[in-house]
Amino acid sequence: RGAELVGEVVQYEDTYRLCYIRGPEGILIGLAQELGQQTSR
């Protein structure tokens, strides 16, 4: 069993992309991805 998306992926202003997933055994996990310019190294 893998994780399932709960609801939808939303964007907060131009700063974060947020979502919740439900993993094995019913655990609920909130994920946030910071948005912005990526710099190459």
PDB file of N, CA and C in Angstrom:
ATOM      1  N   ARG A   1       0.842  -1.201   0.000  1.00  0.00           N
ATOM      2  CA  ARG A   1       0.000   0.000   0.000  1.00  0.00           C
ATOM      3  C   ARG A   1       0.867   1.237   0.000  1.00  0.00           C
ATOM      4  N   GLY A   2       0.508   2.171  -0.845  1.00  0.00           N
ATOM      5  CA  GLY A   2       1.235   3.437  -0.888  1.00  0.00           C
ATOM      6  C   GLY A   2       0.411   4.546  -0.269  1.00  0.00           C
ATOM      7  N   ALA A   3       0.875   5.753  -0.437  1.00  0.00           N
ATOM      8  CA  ALA A   3       0.177   6.924   0.094  1.00  0.00           C
ATOM      9  C   ALA A   3      -0.844   7.433  -0.915  1.00  0.00           C
ATOM     10  N   GLU A   4      -1.879   8.114  -0.411  1.00  0.00           N
ATOM     11  CA  GLU A   4      -2.919   8.703  -1.255  1.00  0.00           C
ATOM     12  C   GLU A   4      -3.044  10.180  -0.944  1.00  0.00           C
ATOM     13  N   LEU A   5      -3.246  10.979  -1.976  1.00  0.00           N
ATOM     14  CA  LEU A   5      -3.470  12.405  -1.814  1.00  0.00           C
ATOM     15  C   LEU A   5      -4.833  12.632  -1.170  1.00  0.00           C
ATOM     16  N   VAL A   6      -4.887  13.496  -0.164  1.00  0.00           N
ATOM     17  CA  VAL A   6      -6.137  13.853   0.505  1.00  0.00           C
ATOM     18  C   VAL A   6      -6.510  15.256   0.027  1.00  0.00           C
ATOM     19  N   GLY A   7      -7.621  15.394  -0.652  1.00  0.00           N
ATOM     20  CA  GLY A   7      -8.011  16.703  -1.178  1.00  0.00           C
ATOM     21  C   GLY A   7      -7.228  17.026  -2.433  1.00  0.00           C
ATOM     22  N   GLU A   8      -6.662  18.223  -2.472  1.00  0.00           N
ATOM     23  CA  GLU A   8      -5.928  18.660  -3.656  1.00  0.00           C
ATOM     24  C   GLU A   8      -4.654  19.388  -3.257  1.00  0.00           C
ATOM     25  N   VAL A   9      -3.769  19.545  -4.212  1.00  0.00           N
ATOM     26  CA  VAL A   9      -2.551  20.329  -4.008  1.00  0.00           C
ATOM     27  C   VAL A   9      -2.926  21.792  -4.209  1.00  0.00           C
ATOM     28  N   VAL A  10      -2.574  22.638  -3.256  1.00  0.00           N
ATOM     29  CA  VAL A  10      -2.902  24.064  -3.344  1.00  0.00           C
ATOM     30  C   VAL A  10      -1.625  24.888  -3.257  1.00  0.00           C
ATOM     31  N   GLN A  11      -1.703  26.099  -3.786  1.00  0.00           N
ATOM     32  CA  GLN A  11      -0.559  27.010  -3.723  1.00  0.00           C
ATOM     33  C   GLN A  11      -0.923  28.183  -2.842  1.00  0.00           C
ATOM     34  N   TYR A  12      -0.048  28.498  -1.885  1.00  0.00           N
ATOM     35  CA  TYR A  12      -0.228  29.631  -0.990  1.00  0.00           C
ATOM     36  C   TYR A  12       0.616  30.780  -1.516  1.00  0.00           C
ATOM     37  N   GLU A  13      -0.060  31.821  -2.001  1.00  0.00           N
ATOM     38  CA  GLU A  13       0.607  32.962  -2.625  1.00  0.00           C
ATOM     39  C   GLU A  13       1.619  32.440  -3.642  1.00  0.00           C
ATOM     40  N   ASP A  14       2.773  33.040  -3.737  1.00  0.00           N
ATOM     41  CA  ASP A  14       3.828  32.530  -4.626  1.00  0.00           C
ATOM     42  C   ASP A  14       4.942  31.918  -3.796  1.00  0.00           C
ATOM     43  N   THR A  15       4.581  31.435  -2.602  1.00  0.00           N
ATOM     44  CA  THR A  15       5.591  31.001  -1.651  1.00  0.00           C
ATOM     45  C   THR A  15       5.658  29.489  -1.462  1.00  0.00           C
ATOM     46  N   TYR A  16       4.506  28.831  -1.292  1.00  0.00           N
ATOM     47  CA  TYR A  16       4.484  27.401  -0.980  1.00  0.00           C
ATOM     48  C   TYR A  16       3.440  26.660  -1.791  1.00  0.00           C
ATOM     49  N   ARG A  17       3.711  25.389  -2.040  1.00  0.00           N
ATOM     50  CA  ARG A  17       2.732  24.449  -2.577  1.00  0.00           C
ATOM     51  C   ARG A  17       2.475  23.461  -1.442  1.00  0.00           C
ATOM     52  N   LEU A  18       1.213  23.241  -1.096  1.00  0.00           N
ATOM     53  CA  LEU A  18       0.845  22.459   0.088  1.00  0.00           C
ATOM     54  C   LEU A  18      -0.107  21.324  -0.264  1.00  0.00           C
ATOM     55  N   CYS A  19       0.012  20.218   0.466  1.00  0.00           N
ATOM     56  CA  CYS A  19      -0.949  19.120   0.327  1.00  0.00           C
ATOM     57  C   CYS A  19      -0.862  18.214   1.553  1.00  0.00           C
ATOM     58  N   TYR A  20      -1.859  17.361   1.674  1.00  0.00           N
ATOM     59  CA  TYR A  20      -1.867  16.319   2.702  1.00  0.00           C
ATOM     60  C   TYR A  20      -1.939  14.976   2.006  1.00  0.00           C
ATOM     61  N   ILE A  21      -1.218  14.002   2.552  1.00  0.00           N
ATOM     62  CA  ILE A  21      -1.325  12.636   2.060  1.00  0.00           C
ATOM     63  C   ILE A  21      -1.651  11.722   3.237  1.00  0.00           C
ATOM     64  N   ARG A  22      -2.344  10.634   2.927  1.00  0.00           N
ATOM     65  CA  ARG A  22      -2.644   9.623   3.943  1.00  0.00           C
ATOM     66  C   ARG A  22      -1.812   8.394   3.604  1.00  0.00           C
ATOM     67  N   GLY A  23      -0.973   8.023   4.540  1.00  0.00           N
ATOM     68  CA  GLY A  23      -0.069   6.903   4.332  1.00  0.00           C
ATOM     69  C   GLY A  23      -0.615   5.613   4.920  1.00  0.00           C
ATOM     70  N   PRO A  24       0.227   4.597   4.942  1.00  0.00           N
ATOM     71  CA  PRO A  24      -0.172   3.315   5.516  1.00  0.00           C
ATOM     72  C   PRO A  24      -0.650   3.473   6.963  1.00  0.00           C
ATOM     73  N   GLU A  25      -1.551   2.649   7.350  1.00  0.00           N
ATOM     74  CA  GLU A  25      -2.120   2.663   8.705  1.00  0.00           C
ATOM     75  C   GLU A  25      -2.899   3.935   9.002  1.00  0.00           C
ATOM     76  N   GLY A  26      -3.222   4.741   7.976  1.00  0.00           N
ATOM     77  CA  GLY A  26      -4.066   5.913   8.166  1.00  0.00           C
ATOM     78  C   GLY A  26      -3.361   7.165   8.649  1.00  0.00           C
ATOM     79  N   ILE A  27      -2.030   7.131   8.740  1.00  0.00           N
ATOM     80  CA  ILE A  27      -1.312   8.318   9.207  1.00  0.00           C
ATOM     81  C   ILE A  27      -1.489   9.463   8.203  1.00  0.00           C
ATOM     82  N   LEU A  28      -1.712  10.676   8.701  1.00  0.00           N
ATOM     83  CA  LEU A  28      -1.911  11.856   7.864  1.00  0.00           C
ATOM     84  C   LEU A  28      -0.649  12.716   7.912  1.00  0.00           C
ATOM     85  N   ILE A  29      -0.129  13.067   6.741  1.00  0.00           N
ATOM     86  CA  ILE A  29       1.122  13.814   6.646  1.00  0.00           C
ATOM     87  C   ILE A  29       0.898  15.067   5.808  1.00  0.00           C
ATOM     88  N   GLY A  30       1.325  16.219   6.322  1.00  0.00           N
ATOM     89  CA  GLY A  30       1.256  17.466   5.570  1.00  0.00           C
ATOM     90  C   GLY A  30       2.595  17.740   4.910  1.00  0.00           C
ATOM     91  N   LEU A  31       2.558  18.073   3.628  1.00  0.00           N
ATOM     92  CA  LEU A  31       3.777  18.365   2.879  1.00  0.00           C
ATOM     93  C   LEU A  31       3.749  19.799   2.378  1.00  0.00           C
ATOM     94  N   ALA A  32       4.896  20.454   2.392  1.00  0.00           N
ATOM     95  CA  ALA A  32       5.024  21.819   1.878  1.00  0.00           C
ATOM     96  C   ALA A  32       6.274  21.891   1.015  1.00  0.00           C
ATOM     97  N   GLN A  33       6.116  22.496  -0.158  1.00  0.00           N
ATOM     98  CA  GLN A  33       7.253  22.711  -1.045  1.00  0.00           C
ATOM     99  C   GLN A  33       7.440  24.212  -1.206  1.00  0.00           C
ATOM    100  N   GLU A  34       8.605  24.700  -0.837  1.00  0.00           N
ATOM    101  CA  GLU A  34       8.893  26.120  -0.989  1.00  0.00           C
ATOM    102  C   GLU A  34       9.150  26.419  -2.460  1.00  0.00           C
ATOM    103  N   LEU A  35       8.487  27.439  -2.961  1.00  0.00           N
ATOM    104  CA  LEU A  35       8.641  27.831  -4.355  1.00  0.00           C
ATOM    105  C   LEU A  35       9.615  28.991  -4.453  1.00  0.00           C
ATOM    106  N   GLY A  36      10.238  29.128  -5.566  1.00  0.00           N
ATOM    107  CA  GLY A  36      11.171  30.228  -5.772  1.00  0.00           C
ATOM    108  C   GLY A  36      12.157  29.871  -6.851  1.00  0.00           C
ATOM    109  N   GLN A  37      13.024  30.798  -7.129  1.00  0.00           N
ATOM    110  CA  GLN A  37      14.022  30.566  -8.162  1.00  0.00           C
ATOM    111  C   GLN A  37      15.062  29.585  -7.664  1.00  0.00           C
ATOM    112  N   GLN A  38      15.380  28.627  -8.536  1.00  0.00           N
ATOM    113  CA  GLN A  38      16.422  27.666  -8.201  1.00  0.00           C
ATOM    114  C   GLN A  38      17.736  28.179  -8.756  1.00  0.00           C
ATOM    115  N   THR A  39      18.779  28.015  -7.976  1.00  0.00           N
ATOM    116  CA  THR A  39      20.099  28.441  -8.438  1.00  0.00           C
ATOM    117  C   THR A  39      20.895  27.220  -8.847  1.00  0.00           C
ATOM    118  N   SER A  40      21.617  27.322  -9.923  1.00  0.00           N
ATOM    119  CA  SER A  40      22.452  26.203 -10.355  1.00  0.00           C
ATOM    120  C   SER A  40      23.814  26.310  -9.686  1.00  0.00           C
ATOM    121  N   ARG A  41      24.398  25.173  -9.397  1.00  0.00           N
ATOM    122  CA  ARG A  41      25.694  25.145  -8.705  1.00  0.00           C
ATOM    123  C   ARG A  41      26.776  24.719  -9.645  1.00  0.00           C
TER     124      ARG A  41
END
